[in-house]
Amino acid sequence: MTSSPRAEVVDVAALLATRPDGERAVLWSAGNQLQTNVVSLAPGARIDAHAEPALDVTLAVLVGALELGQDGLVVDVRAPAVVVLPAGARRSLTAGPDGVSYLTAHRPRTGMLPTVR
């Protein structure tokens, strides 16, 4: 008898409680057909402008706030919030004064490594 794949339940509160020091931390990452990451940025940390040319990306702000820069506009995004970034959307992220933790989800891809400042 073949067993079916098991759901993975992630305790986000426990992840956020163990956030390591540093500007950026990938607290959790998993995926096969859907790449999912929980990322935490320290207060004021910035991910420079970048784009995913081929894939839509969903970003859910779990805790804190960030500034989303896109096409010369800056939008404040506060938890709880979901942002859908269409393929080709060039964006930057800057953590708010208390930092930010967010989840991203997208189809797997390679080669996109934004720079954190």
N, C-alpha and C. Protein backbone atom coordinates (compact mmCIF):
# COMPACT_ATOMS: atom_id res chain seq x y z
N MET A 1 0.84 -1.17 0.00
CA MET A 1 0.00 0.00 0.00
C MET A 1 0.89 1.25 0.00
N THR A 2 0.60 2.15 -0.87
CA THR A 2 1.38 3.37 -0.99
C THR A 2 0.74 4.47 -0.15
N SER A 3 1.56 5.15 0.66
CA SER A 3 1.01 6.24 1.47
C SER A 3 1.05 7.54 0.67
N SER A 4 0.09 8.39 0.95
CA SER A 4 0.03 9.68 0.26
C SER A 4 0.97 10.67 0.95
N PRO A 5 1.37 11.72 0.23
CA PRO A 5 2.24 12.72 0.84
C PRO A 5 1.56 13.34 2.05
N ARG A 6 2.36 13.70 3.04
CA ARG A 6 1.86 14.28 4.27
C ARG A 6 1.95 15.80 4.22
N ALA A 7 0.95 16.46 4.75
CA ALA A 7 0.97 17.91 4.88
C ALA A 7 2.04 18.30 5.91
N GLU A 8 2.69 19.40 5.68
CA GLU A 8 3.66 19.92 6.64
C GLU A 8 3.05 21.13 7.33
N VAL A 9 2.88 21.03 8.63
CA VAL A 9 2.34 22.13 9.42
C VAL A 9 3.50 22.85 10.08
N VAL A 10 3.57 24.17 9.87
CA VAL A 10 4.67 24.97 10.39
C VAL A 10 4.14 25.89 11.48
N ASP A 11 4.76 25.85 12.65
CA ASP A 11 4.41 26.72 13.76
C ASP A 11 5.12 28.06 13.55
N VAL A 12 4.43 28.99 12.93
CA VAL A 12 5.03 30.28 12.58
C VAL A 12 5.43 31.06 13.83
N ALA A 13 4.61 31.01 14.87
CA ALA A 13 4.95 31.72 16.11
C ALA A 13 6.28 31.21 16.67
N ALA A 14 6.49 29.89 16.63
CA ALA A 14 7.76 29.33 17.12
C ALA A 14 8.92 29.77 16.24
N LEU A 15 8.71 29.80 14.92
CA LEU A 15 9.75 30.28 14.01
C LEU A 15 10.15 31.72 14.34
N LEU A 16 9.16 32.57 14.52
CA LEU A 16 9.43 33.99 14.76
C LEU A 16 10.10 34.19 16.11
N ALA A 17 9.82 33.34 17.08
CA ALA A 17 10.43 33.46 18.41
C ALA A 17 11.91 33.09 18.39
N THR A 18 12.34 32.35 17.37
CA THR A 18 13.74 31.92 17.31
C THR A 18 14.54 32.67 16.25
N ARG A 19 14.04 33.83 15.83
CA ARG A 19 14.71 34.60 14.77
C ARG A 19 16.16 34.88 15.16
N PRO A 20 17.11 34.47 14.34
CA PRO A 20 18.53 34.75 14.64
C PRO A 20 18.87 36.21 14.41
N ASP A 21 19.99 36.63 14.99
CA ASP A 21 20.47 37.99 14.76
C ASP A 21 20.91 38.13 13.31
N GLY A 22 20.91 39.35 12.83
CA GLY A 22 21.34 39.62 11.46
C GLY A 22 20.26 40.36 10.71
N GLU A 23 20.64 40.90 9.56
CA GLU A 23 19.70 41.70 8.79
C GLU A 23 18.60 40.87 8.16
N ARG A 24 18.96 39.67 7.72
CA ARG A 24 18.00 38.82 7.03
C ARG A 24 18.17 37.38 7.47
N ALA A 25 17.05 36.72 7.66
CA ALA A 25 17.10 35.31 8.01
C ALA A 25 15.98 34.59 7.29
N VAL A 26 16.32 33.52 6.61
CA VAL A 26 15.30 32.63 6.07
C VAL A 26 15.01 31.65 7.19
N LEU A 27 13.85 31.81 7.80
CA LEU A 27 13.50 31.01 8.97
C LEU A 27 13.03 29.61 8.60
N TRP A 28 12.47 29.48 7.41
CA TRP A 28 11.95 28.20 6.97
C TRP A 28 11.79 28.24 5.47
N SER A 29 12.06 27.13 4.82
CA SER A 29 11.91 27.04 3.38
C SER A 29 11.57 25.60 3.02
N ALA A 30 10.64 25.44 2.10
CA ALA A 30 10.27 24.11 1.65
C ALA A 30 9.61 24.22 0.30
N GLY A 31 9.56 23.13 -0.38
CA GLY A 31 8.80 23.14 -1.61
C GLY A 31 9.31 22.16 -2.61
N ASN A 32 8.39 21.75 -3.43
CA ASN A 32 8.68 20.88 -4.54
C ASN A 32 8.02 21.52 -5.76
N GLN A 33 6.70 21.51 -5.79
CA GLN A 33 5.98 22.17 -6.87
C GLN A 33 5.66 23.62 -6.53
N LEU A 34 5.73 23.96 -5.24
CA LEU A 34 5.50 25.32 -4.78
C LEU A 34 6.57 25.67 -3.77
N GLN A 35 7.42 26.63 -4.09
CA GLN A 35 8.48 27.06 -3.19
C GLN A 35 7.90 28.05 -2.19
N THR A 36 8.08 27.77 -0.91
CA THR A 36 7.54 28.61 0.15
C THR A 36 8.65 28.93 1.13
N ASN A 37 8.74 30.21 1.53
CA ASN A 37 9.79 30.67 2.44
C ASN A 37 9.18 31.57 3.49
N VAL A 38 9.68 31.48 4.71
CA VAL A 38 9.38 32.47 5.74
C VAL A 38 10.68 33.21 5.98
N VAL A 39 10.63 34.54 5.76
CA VAL A 39 11.81 35.39 5.81
C VAL A 39 11.60 36.46 6.86
N SER A 40 12.66 36.82 7.56
CA SER A 40 12.59 37.88 8.55
C SER A 40 13.67 38.91 8.23
N LEU A 41 13.30 40.19 8.26
CA LEU A 41 14.24 41.29 8.04
C LEU A 41 14.31 42.14 9.30
N ALA A 42 15.51 42.53 9.69
CA ALA A 42 15.71 43.41 10.83
C ALA A 42 15.19 44.80 10.51
N PRO A 43 14.93 45.61 11.52
CA PRO A 43 14.46 46.98 11.28
C PRO A 43 15.36 47.72 10.28
N GLY A 44 14.74 48.29 9.27
CA GLY A 44 15.45 49.09 8.27
C GLY A 44 16.20 48.30 7.22
N ALA A 45 16.28 46.97 7.34
CA ALA A 45 16.99 46.18 6.33
C ALA A 45 16.25 46.30 5.00
N ARG A 46 17.03 46.27 3.92
CA ARG A 46 16.46 46.51 2.59
C ARG A 46 16.87 45.40 1.63
N ILE A 47 15.93 44.98 0.82
CA ILE A 47 16.23 44.11 -0.31
C ILE A 47 16.10 45.00 -1.54
N ASP A 48 17.21 45.16 -2.24
CA ASP A 48 17.26 46.06 -3.39
C ASP A 48 16.28 45.64 -4.48
N ALA A 49 16.00 46.58 -5.37
CA ALA A 49 15.06 46.34 -6.48
C ALA A 49 15.48 45.11 -7.28
N HIS A 50 14.51 44.27 -7.53
CA HIS A 50 14.72 43.06 -8.32
C HIS A 50 13.37 42.64 -8.90
N ALA A 51 13.41 41.75 -9.85
CA ALA A 51 12.18 41.26 -10.47
C ALA A 51 12.31 39.77 -10.73
N GLU A 52 11.21 39.11 -10.70
CA GLU A 52 11.12 37.72 -11.14
C GLU A 52 10.44 37.76 -12.49
N PRO A 53 11.22 37.59 -13.58
CA PRO A 53 10.65 37.81 -14.91
C PRO A 53 9.59 36.81 -15.33
N ALA A 54 9.62 35.58 -14.79
CA ALA A 54 8.73 34.55 -15.32
C ALA A 54 7.62 34.10 -14.38
N LEU A 55 7.69 34.48 -13.10
CA LEU A 55 6.76 33.91 -12.13
C LEU A 55 6.05 34.98 -11.30
N ASP A 56 4.77 34.76 -11.03
CA ASP A 56 4.07 35.54 -10.02
C ASP A 56 4.61 35.11 -8.65
N VAL A 57 4.62 36.05 -7.71
CA VAL A 57 5.05 35.76 -6.34
C VAL A 57 3.98 36.31 -5.39
N THR A 58 3.57 35.48 -4.45
CA THR A 58 2.68 35.93 -3.39
C THR A 58 3.52 36.18 -2.15
N LEU A 59 3.32 37.35 -1.55
CA LEU A 59 4.04 37.75 -0.34
C LEU A 59 3.00 38.06 0.73
N ALA A 60 3.07 37.37 1.86
CA ALA A 60 2.14 37.60 2.96
C ALA A 60 2.93 38.14 4.15
N VAL A 61 2.62 39.36 4.57
CA VAL A 61 3.28 39.96 5.73
C VAL A 61 2.64 39.35 6.97
N LEU A 62 3.46 38.66 7.77
CA LEU A 62 2.97 37.95 8.95
C LEU A 62 3.03 38.82 10.20
N VAL A 63 4.15 39.54 10.38
CA VAL A 63 4.39 40.37 11.56
C VAL A 63 5.17 41.59 11.11
N GLY A 64 4.81 42.75 11.63
CA GLY A 64 5.56 43.97 11.33
C GLY A 64 5.05 44.66 10.09
N ALA A 65 5.94 45.42 9.47
CA ALA A 65 5.57 46.22 8.31
C ALA A 65 6.77 46.35 7.38
N LEU A 66 6.46 46.65 6.11
CA LEU A 66 7.52 46.91 5.14
C LEU A 66 7.06 47.99 4.18
N GLU A 67 8.05 48.60 3.54
CA GLU A 67 7.77 49.51 2.44
C GLU A 67 8.05 48.75 1.16
N LEU A 68 7.05 48.70 0.30
CA LEU A 68 7.17 48.05 -1.00
C LEU A 68 7.39 49.15 -2.03
N GLY A 69 8.55 49.16 -2.64
CA GLY A 69 8.84 50.13 -3.69
C GLY A 69 8.62 49.49 -5.04
N GLN A 70 7.87 50.20 -5.89
CA GLN A 70 7.61 49.67 -7.23
C GLN A 70 7.30 50.82 -8.17
N ASP A 71 8.07 50.91 -9.27
CA ASP A 71 7.84 51.92 -10.31
C ASP A 71 7.79 53.34 -9.74
N GLY A 72 8.70 53.64 -8.81
CA GLY A 72 8.77 54.99 -8.24
C GLY A 72 7.77 55.26 -7.14
N LEU A 73 6.89 54.31 -6.85
CA LEU A 73 5.91 54.46 -5.78
C LEU A 73 6.35 53.63 -4.58
N VAL A 74 6.00 54.11 -3.39
CA VAL A 74 6.27 53.36 -2.17
C VAL A 74 4.94 53.14 -1.46
N VAL A 75 4.67 51.89 -1.13
CA VAL A 75 3.43 51.53 -0.44
C VAL A 75 3.80 50.90 0.90
N ASP A 76 3.18 51.40 1.98
CA ASP A 76 3.36 50.79 3.29
C ASP A 76 2.45 49.57 3.38
N VAL A 77 3.03 48.44 3.76
CA VAL A 77 2.28 47.20 3.89
C VAL A 77 2.47 46.70 5.31
N ARG A 78 1.38 46.58 6.05
CA ARG A 78 1.42 46.16 7.45
C ARG A 78 0.70 44.83 7.63
N ALA A 79 1.22 44.02 8.56
CA ALA A 79 0.59 42.74 8.88
C ALA A 79 -0.78 42.96 9.49
N PRO A 80 -1.70 42.11 9.20
CA PRO A 80 -1.66 41.03 8.22
C PRO A 80 -2.03 41.56 6.84
N ALA A 81 -1.27 41.19 5.85
CA ALA A 81 -1.54 41.65 4.48
C ALA A 81 -0.96 40.65 3.49
N VAL A 82 -1.58 40.60 2.33
CA VAL A 82 -1.09 39.76 1.24
C VAL A 82 -0.89 40.65 0.02
N VAL A 83 0.26 40.47 -0.65
CA VAL A 83 0.59 41.20 -1.86
C VAL A 83 0.84 40.18 -2.96
N VAL A 84 0.24 40.37 -4.11
CA VAL A 84 0.51 39.52 -5.27
C VAL A 84 1.36 40.32 -6.23
N LEU A 85 2.57 39.85 -6.47
CA LEU A 85 3.52 40.51 -7.37
C LEU A 85 3.51 39.76 -8.70
N PRO A 86 2.99 40.38 -9.75
CA PRO A 86 2.93 39.68 -11.03
C PRO A 86 4.32 39.50 -11.64
N ALA A 87 4.45 38.49 -12.47
CA ALA A 87 5.71 38.25 -13.17
C ALA A 87 6.18 39.54 -13.82
N GLY A 88 7.47 39.84 -13.66
CA GLY A 88 8.06 41.03 -14.25
C GLY A 88 7.98 42.27 -13.39
N ALA A 89 7.23 42.23 -12.29
CA ALA A 89 7.11 43.40 -11.42
C ALA A 89 8.43 43.64 -10.69
N ARG A 90 9.03 44.79 -10.92
CA ARG A 90 10.29 45.16 -10.26
C ARG A 90 9.93 45.79 -8.92
N ARG A 91 10.53 45.28 -7.85
CA ARG A 91 10.19 45.78 -6.53
C ARG A 91 11.39 45.75 -5.59
N SER A 92 11.32 46.62 -4.57
CA SER A 92 12.27 46.60 -3.47
C SER A 92 11.46 46.48 -2.18
N LEU A 93 12.10 45.98 -1.13
CA LEU A 93 11.45 45.82 0.17
C LEU A 93 12.34 46.45 1.23
N THR A 94 11.75 47.25 2.11
CA THR A 94 12.47 47.83 3.23
C THR A 94 11.66 47.55 4.49
N ALA A 95 12.31 46.91 5.46
CA ALA A 95 11.63 46.57 6.71
C ALA A 95 11.28 47.83 7.49
N GLY A 96 10.15 47.81 8.17
CA GLY A 96 9.73 48.92 9.01
C GLY A 96 10.57 49.02 10.27
N PRO A 97 10.23 49.96 11.15
CA PRO A 97 11.04 50.23 12.34
C PRO A 97 11.10 49.07 13.33
N ASP A 98 10.14 48.16 13.28
CA ASP A 98 10.16 46.99 14.16
C ASP A 98 10.56 45.72 13.42
N GLY A 99 11.02 45.87 12.18
CA GLY A 99 11.35 44.72 11.36
C GLY A 99 10.10 44.14 10.73
N VAL A 100 10.28 43.06 9.99
CA VAL A 100 9.16 42.41 9.31
C VAL A 100 9.48 40.93 9.13
N SER A 101 8.44 40.13 9.20
CA SER A 101 8.55 38.72 8.84
C SER A 101 7.44 38.44 7.83
N TYR A 102 7.80 37.75 6.75
CA TYR A 102 6.84 37.52 5.69
C TYR A 102 7.04 36.15 5.06
N LEU A 103 6.01 35.70 4.39
CA LEU A 103 6.03 34.43 3.70
C LEU A 103 5.96 34.72 2.20
N THR A 104 6.75 34.03 1.40
CA THR A 104 6.62 34.11 -0.05
C THR A 104 6.27 32.73 -0.58
N ALA A 105 5.53 32.72 -1.68
CA ALA A 105 5.16 31.46 -2.33
C ALA A 105 5.17 31.67 -3.83
N HIS A 106 5.78 30.73 -4.54
CA HIS A 106 5.88 30.81 -6.00
C HIS A 106 6.31 29.45 -6.53
N ARG A 107 6.16 29.26 -7.81
CA ARG A 107 6.71 28.04 -8.41
C ARG A 107 8.23 28.08 -8.26
N PRO A 108 8.87 26.93 -8.16
CA PRO A 108 10.33 26.92 -8.03
C PRO A 108 11.00 27.59 -9.22
N ARG A 109 12.09 28.28 -8.93
CA ARG A 109 12.91 28.90 -9.95
C ARG A 109 14.34 28.99 -9.43
N THR A 110 15.26 29.30 -10.31
CA THR A 110 16.66 29.41 -9.91
C THR A 110 17.20 30.77 -10.30
N GLY A 111 18.28 31.16 -9.65
CA GLY A 111 19.03 32.33 -10.09
C GLY A 111 18.64 33.66 -9.50
N MET A 112 17.53 33.78 -8.78
CA MET A 112 17.14 35.08 -8.24
C MET A 112 17.61 35.16 -6.80
N LEU A 113 18.61 35.96 -6.53
CA LEU A 113 19.12 36.14 -5.18
C LEU A 113 19.21 37.64 -4.91
N PRO A 114 18.14 38.24 -4.36
CA PRO A 114 18.18 39.67 -4.07
C PRO A 114 19.23 40.00 -3.03
N THR A 115 19.77 41.21 -3.11
CA THR A 115 20.79 41.68 -2.19
C THR A 115 20.14 42.38 -1.02
N VAL A 116 20.57 42.02 0.19
CA VAL A 116 20.07 42.67 1.41
C VAL A 116 21.07 43.69 1.85
N ARG A 117 20.58 44.89 2.21
CA ARG A 117 21.46 45.94 2.74
C ARG A 117 21.04 46.30 4.13
